[in-house]
Amino acid sequence: MAVLAVQAIRRMRGGAQSQLMLGADGKLWVVKFQNNPQDVRVLANELIATRLAAGVGLTVPMSDVVEVTEWLVANTLDMFVDMPKGLRQRYTAGLQFGSQFVGGLMPGQVVDYLPEQQLDEVRNLAEFAGMLCIDKWAGNCNGRQAVFERKPREKKYRATFIDQGFCFNAGAWTFPDSPLRGVYQRNQVYARVTGWESFEPWLSRVEAMEGETLWSIAEAVPPEWYGGDTAVIEQLMEQMLRRRSRVRELIGEFRDSNRKPFPMWASGRKIVVPRQFAEVSGVGKFVM
């Protein structure tokens, strides 16, 4: 059952032009719509990759399908999406992707940037290495995004990993792997990595993930988010199953790049990254 949206609150920052909405469950949801400017498939990407990350024990928002009615779209101001060439159109009603708003209705402090000295004090800083496993596995073609939450009377922040829309190369559903894709812009979050043990337990959980887990996640994706062609999403899941064995290789390419992200991990050969990237701050039957 989808969560029913009952009120639109405000537009969020970002290229997908998401809306912060109140659900009938009393929770705040960041909602990405089918007719966002990026691609309808980014909704599927968000649901799949967020649930994969949650499945290996990483800190991501709760994700779900959110239903937005025609009445709510028609009777709410600023329910328009800005498209290329200056065009505007109303958000499409129907089933959208929602992730729970970090901090909820009564947040403490939530920021998307911390000074260097405070990054070292993030409670779950080690999870950046774990999220790297997911981003390399899912071929995230964007930089890794995170927000930092500190509840009232707490001194330290906790990172929550958000915005998985550009996994699987956004709407292309391909895997153009490159060493600096899907990584966080600041090396400091990786400074404590000393070797493969720093990626545990998340890396082993990725490598051991059962095909049934991937199929169950894919079955939760509404068909309208990928054009209703089940063969296409089946192929994506089959590629993901095959890629489990490549995650270490892909992390190794990042390790050996000239960005030198892991100063405490002895590296091997060096991979020169093109300037444009260096500057970018088994299988079962699938039934829908």
Protein backbone atom coordinates (compact mmCIF):
# COMPACT_ATOMS: atom_id res chain seq x y z
CA MET A 1 0.00 0.00 0.00
CA ALA A 2 1.36 3.43 -0.98
CA VAL A 3 1.56 6.26 1.52
CA LEU A 4 -1.10 8.87 0.72
CA ALA A 5 0.18 12.46 0.51
CA VAL A 6 -2.23 14.92 2.14
CA GLN A 7 -0.36 18.23 1.98
CA ALA A 8 2.42 19.82 -0.06
CA ILE A 9 4.70 21.96 2.07
CA ARG A 10 7.51 23.34 -0.10
CA ARG A 11 9.77 22.56 -3.01
CA MET A 12 13.16 21.08 -2.16
CA ARG A 13 16.49 22.02 -3.66
CA GLY A 14 17.95 19.83 -6.39
CA GLY A 15 17.59 18.95 -10.03
CA ALA A 16 14.66 16.58 -9.50
CA GLN A 17 12.54 19.44 -8.05
CA SER A 18 11.16 17.25 -5.29
CA GLN A 19 8.39 18.37 -2.96
CA LEU A 20 8.35 18.10 0.83
CA MET A 21 4.95 16.59 1.63
CA LEU A 22 2.99 15.44 4.65
CA GLY A 23 1.71 11.88 4.46
CA ALA A 24 -1.47 10.47 5.94
CA ASP A 25 0.85 8.50 8.22
CA GLY A 26 1.84 11.75 9.93
CA LYS A 27 5.38 11.72 8.54
CA LEU A 28 7.21 14.14 6.25
CA TRP A 29 8.25 12.76 2.87
CA VAL A 30 10.59 14.14 0.21
CA VAL A 31 8.69 13.20 -2.94
CA LYS A 32 10.16 12.84 -6.44
CA PHE A 33 7.58 12.91 -9.20
CA GLN A 34 7.34 10.86 -12.36
CA ASN A 35 7.66 13.92 -14.61
CA ASN A 36 10.77 15.28 -12.92
CA PRO A 37 13.34 16.89 -15.30
CA GLN A 38 15.87 14.07 -14.86
CA ASP A 39 14.02 10.91 -15.89
CA VAL A 40 11.12 8.81 -14.66
CA ARG A 41 13.56 5.98 -13.98
CA VAL A 42 15.30 7.95 -11.21
CA LEU A 43 12.30 7.01 -9.05
CA ALA A 44 13.05 3.34 -9.57
CA ASN A 45 16.74 4.00 -8.96
CA GLU A 46 15.96 5.71 -5.66
CA LEU A 47 13.77 2.89 -4.39
CA ILE A 48 16.10 0.08 -5.47
CA ALA A 49 19.41 1.60 -4.34
CA THR A 50 18.06 2.98 -1.07
CA ARG A 51 16.64 -0.40 -0.12
CA LEU A 52 19.83 -2.18 -1.14
CA ALA A 53 21.77 0.17 1.15
CA ALA A 54 19.31 -0.42 3.97
CA GLY A 55 19.59 -4.15 3.37
CA VAL A 56 23.31 -4.16 4.14
CA GLY A 57 22.84 -2.02 7.24
CA LEU A 58 23.66 1.51 6.07
CA THR A 59 22.00 4.70 7.32
CA VAL A 60 19.53 5.79 4.65
CA PRO A 61 16.05 7.30 4.94
CA MET A 62 13.02 5.03 5.00
CA SER A 63 11.75 4.80 1.42
CA ASP A 64 8.30 4.05 0.02
CA VAL A 65 5.86 4.67 -2.78
CA VAL A 66 3.80 7.82 -2.21
CA GLU A 67 0.46 8.45 -3.90
CA VAL A 68 -0.32 12.04 -4.88
CA THR A 69 -3.90 12.60 -6.00
CA GLU A 70 -5.13 14.72 -8.91
CA TRP A 71 -7.09 16.84 -6.41
CA LEU A 72 -3.98 17.67 -4.37
CA VAL A 73 -2.00 18.66 -7.46
CA ALA A 74 -4.83 20.81 -8.82
CA ASN A 75 -5.56 22.55 -5.51
CA THR A 76 -2.02 23.34 -4.37
CA LEU A 77 -0.06 26.42 -5.40
CA ASP A 78 3.35 25.94 -7.00
CA MET A 79 2.76 22.31 -7.93
CA PHE A 80 4.60 22.91 -11.18
CA VAL A 81 7.87 21.48 -12.47
CA ASP A 82 10.21 23.67 -14.51
CA MET A 83 11.23 21.91 -17.71
CA PRO A 84 13.89 22.76 -20.32
CA LYS A 85 13.39 25.76 -22.65
CA GLY A 86 11.42 27.67 -20.01
CA LEU A 87 8.44 25.31 -20.08
CA ARG A 88 6.39 24.53 -16.96
CA GLN A 89 3.95 21.71 -16.33
CA ARG A 90 1.95 20.46 -13.40
CA TYR A 91 3.35 17.59 -11.44
CA THR A 92 1.92 14.27 -12.56
CA ALA A 93 -0.52 12.72 -10.11
CA GLY A 94 -0.17 9.05 -9.23
CA LEU A 95 2.54 6.95 -7.63
CA GLN A 96 5.77 8.78 -6.80
CA PHE A 97 8.96 7.98 -4.87
CA GLY A 98 9.20 9.17 -1.29
CA SER A 99 11.99 9.17 1.26
CA GLN A 100 11.32 10.22 4.82
CA PHE A 101 12.59 13.70 5.63
CA VAL A 102 15.71 13.44 7.77
CA GLY A 103 14.89 14.80 11.20
CA GLY A 104 11.13 14.37 10.84
CA LEU A 105 8.57 16.82 12.16
CA MET A 106 10.73 18.00 15.05
CA PRO A 107 14.31 17.97 13.81
CA GLY A 108 17.32 19.03 15.80
CA GLN A 109 19.90 20.32 13.35
CA VAL A 110 20.23 18.93 9.82
CA VAL A 111 22.96 20.24 7.50
CA ASP A 112 24.47 19.11 4.22
CA TYR A 113 27.95 20.44 5.01
CA LEU A 114 30.27 20.13 8.00
CA PRO A 115 33.68 21.77 8.54
CA GLU A 116 36.68 19.46 8.38
CA GLN A 117 37.14 19.28 12.14
CA GLN A 118 33.54 18.21 12.68
CA LEU A 119 33.65 15.50 10.03
CA ASP A 120 36.06 13.56 12.24
CA GLU A 121 33.40 13.52 14.97
CA VAL A 122 30.55 12.10 12.86
CA ARG A 123 29.23 9.05 14.73
CA ASN A 124 29.04 6.76 11.70
CA LEU A 125 31.89 8.11 9.58
CA ALA A 126 32.95 4.53 8.79
CA GLU A 127 29.71 4.08 6.84
CA PHE A 128 31.09 6.22 4.01
CA ALA A 129 33.25 3.21 3.12
CA GLY A 130 30.15 1.01 3.26
CA MET A 131 28.17 3.38 1.04
CA LEU A 132 31.05 3.33 -1.44
CA CYS A 133 30.36 -0.40 -1.86
CA ILE A 134 26.74 0.35 -2.84
CA ASP A 135 27.66 3.24 -5.13
CA LYS A 136 30.25 1.20 -7.01
CA TRP A 137 27.93 -1.80 -7.22
CA ALA A 138 25.01 0.28 -8.51
CA GLY A 139 27.13 2.41 -10.84
CA ASN A 140 26.27 5.76 -9.24
CA CYS A 141 27.25 8.38 -11.82
CA ASN A 142 26.81 11.29 -9.43
CA GLY A 143 28.83 12.37 -6.42
CA ARG A 144 27.84 10.76 -3.14
CA GLN A 145 25.34 12.91 -1.23
CA ALA A 146 24.83 12.91 2.54
CA VAL A 147 23.17 15.05 5.19
CA PHE A 148 24.22 15.27 8.82
CA GLU A 149 21.72 15.22 11.65
CA ARG A 150 22.23 16.13 15.29
CA LYS A 151 19.29 15.62 17.61
CA PRO A 152 18.57 18.01 20.48
CA ARG A 153 21.06 17.63 23.36
CA GLU A 154 23.42 15.55 21.18
CA LYS A 155 26.96 16.73 20.50
CA LYS A 156 27.76 14.60 17.46
CA TYR A 157 26.16 14.33 14.04
CA ARG A 158 25.08 11.20 12.21
CA ALA A 159 25.37 10.95 8.42
CA THR A 160 22.38 9.83 6.37
CA PHE A 161 22.98 8.91 2.73
CA ILE A 162 20.46 10.46 0.35
CA ASP A 163 19.84 10.94 -3.37
CA GLN A 164 20.40 7.65 -5.16
CA GLY A 165 18.71 8.83 -8.37
CA PHE A 166 21.81 8.64 -10.56
CA CYS A 167 22.60 5.03 -9.72
CA PHE A 168 22.46 2.83 -12.85
CA ASN A 169 23.47 5.93 -14.85
CA ALA A 170 20.16 7.73 -14.17
CA GLY A 171 17.66 6.91 -16.94
CA ALA A 172 20.10 4.97 -19.11
CA TRP A 173 20.35 1.86 -16.89
CA THR A 174 23.92 1.24 -17.94
CA PHE A 175 27.18 1.02 -15.97
CA PRO A 176 29.85 3.39 -17.35
CA ASP A 177 32.24 2.73 -14.46
CA SER A 178 34.90 5.32 -13.64
CA PRO A 179 37.16 5.60 -10.56
CA LEU A 180 35.76 8.90 -9.23
CA ARG A 181 32.08 8.33 -9.88
CA GLY A 182 29.86 7.67 -6.90
CA VAL A 183 32.36 8.96 -4.33
CA TYR A 184 32.09 11.69 -1.71
CA GLN A 185 33.77 14.96 -2.66
CA ARG A 186 35.99 15.17 0.43
CA ASN A 187 38.72 12.61 1.09
CA GLN A 188 38.52 13.08 4.83
CA VAL A 189 35.57 10.69 5.14
CA TYR A 190 37.85 7.92 3.81
CA ALA A 191 40.94 8.86 5.81
CA ARG A 192 40.53 6.02 8.34
CA VAL A 193 40.34 3.27 5.72
CA THR A 194 43.29 0.94 6.25
CA GLY A 195 42.34 -2.01 4.00
CA TRP A 196 39.51 -4.31 3.02
CA GLU A 197 38.55 -4.77 6.66
CA SER A 198 37.40 -1.12 6.71
CA PHE A 199 34.61 -1.99 4.26
CA GLU A 200 33.13 -4.63 6.52
CA PRO A 201 30.52 -5.82 7.19
CA TRP A 202 28.93 -4.04 4.23
CA LEU A 203 31.17 -5.40 1.45
CA SER A 204 30.65 -9.02 2.44
CA ARG A 205 26.90 -8.43 2.67
CA VAL A 206 26.87 -7.05 -0.88
CA GLU A 207 28.86 -9.99 -2.21
CA ALA A 208 26.60 -12.49 -0.43
CA MET A 209 23.25 -10.85 -1.21
CA GLU A 210 20.77 -13.40 -2.52
CA GLY A 211 19.02 -12.98 -5.84
CA GLU A 212 15.66 -13.26 -4.07
CA THR A 213 16.45 -10.07 -2.17
CA LEU A 214 17.02 -8.12 -5.37
CA TRP A 215 13.89 -9.53 -7.00
CA SER A 216 11.74 -8.61 -3.99
CA ILE A 217 13.02 -5.04 -4.10
CA ALA A 218 12.43 -4.81 -7.86
CA GLU A 219 8.89 -6.13 -7.50
CA ALA A 220 8.07 -3.16 -5.25
CA VAL A 221 8.83 -0.73 -8.12
CA PRO A 222 5.64 0.52 -9.82
CA PRO A 223 5.71 -0.48 -13.53
CA GLU A 224 5.02 3.11 -14.65
CA TRP A 225 8.46 4.09 -13.31
CA TYR A 226 10.20 2.08 -16.06
CA GLY A 227 7.65 1.98 -18.88
CA GLY A 228 6.01 -1.26 -17.83
CA ASP A 229 8.58 -3.44 -19.63
CA THR A 230 9.45 -6.13 -17.09
CA ALA A 231 12.23 -7.47 -19.32
CA VAL A 232 14.12 -4.21 -18.84
CA ILE A 233 14.07 -4.32 -15.04
CA GLU A 234 14.83 -8.04 -15.09
CA GLN A 235 17.96 -7.30 -17.12
CA LEU A 236 18.98 -4.59 -14.64
CA MET A 237 18.68 -6.99 -11.72
CA GLU A 238 20.61 -9.68 -13.57
CA GLN A 239 23.42 -7.19 -14.19
CA MET A 240 23.44 -6.29 -10.51
CA LEU A 241 23.75 -9.94 -9.53
CA ARG A 242 26.74 -10.34 -11.84
CA ARG A 243 28.37 -7.13 -10.59
CA ARG A 244 28.56 -8.31 -6.97
CA SER A 245 31.90 -9.92 -7.76
CA ARG A 246 33.29 -6.68 -9.26
CA VAL A 247 32.82 -4.38 -6.27
CA ARG A 248 36.32 -4.97 -4.90
CA GLU A 249 37.82 -4.29 -8.31
CA LEU A 250 35.92 -1.01 -8.64
CA ILE A 251 36.93 0.12 -5.14
CA GLY A 252 40.51 -0.81 -5.99
CA GLU A 253 40.41 1.48 -9.03
CA PHE A 254 39.30 4.35 -6.80
CA ARG A 255 42.04 3.50 -4.29
CA ASP A 256 44.70 3.52 -7.01
CA SER A 257 43.52 6.74 -8.67
CA ASN A 258 45.58 9.92 -8.44
CA ARG A 259 43.08 11.32 -5.95
CA LYS A 260 44.71 9.07 -3.29
CA PRO A 261 41.59 8.71 -1.13
CA PHE A 262 42.99 6.19 1.38
CA PRO A 263 46.25 7.58 2.81
CA MET A 264 46.45 4.80 5.44
CA TRP A 265 46.04 2.02 2.86
CA ALA A 266 49.11 1.04 0.88
CA SER A 267 48.15 1.32 -2.78
CA GLY A 268 49.42 -0.42 -5.87
CA ARG A 269 49.48 0.94 -9.38
CA LYS A 270 48.19 4.43 -10.08
CA ILE A 271 45.27 5.23 -12.39
CA VAL A 272 45.29 8.72 -13.89
CA VAL A 273 41.79 10.19 -13.81
CA PRO A 274 40.76 12.63 -16.59
CA ARG A 275 40.56 16.22 -15.38
CA GLN A 276 36.78 16.50 -15.81
CA PHE A 277 36.25 13.60 -13.39
CA ALA A 278 38.92 14.77 -10.94
CA GLU A 279 37.08 18.05 -10.51
CA VAL A 280 33.64 16.57 -9.95
CA SER A 281 33.21 17.91 -6.28
CA GLY A 282 21.30 -16.96 -8.45
CA VAL A 283 18.87 -15.45 -10.90
CA GLY A 284 15.20 -16.34 -10.37
CA LYS A 285 12.00 -15.73 -12.21
CA PHE A 286 10.78 -12.16 -11.89
CA VAL A 287 7.00 -11.73 -11.85
CA MET A 288 5.37 -8.29 -11.79
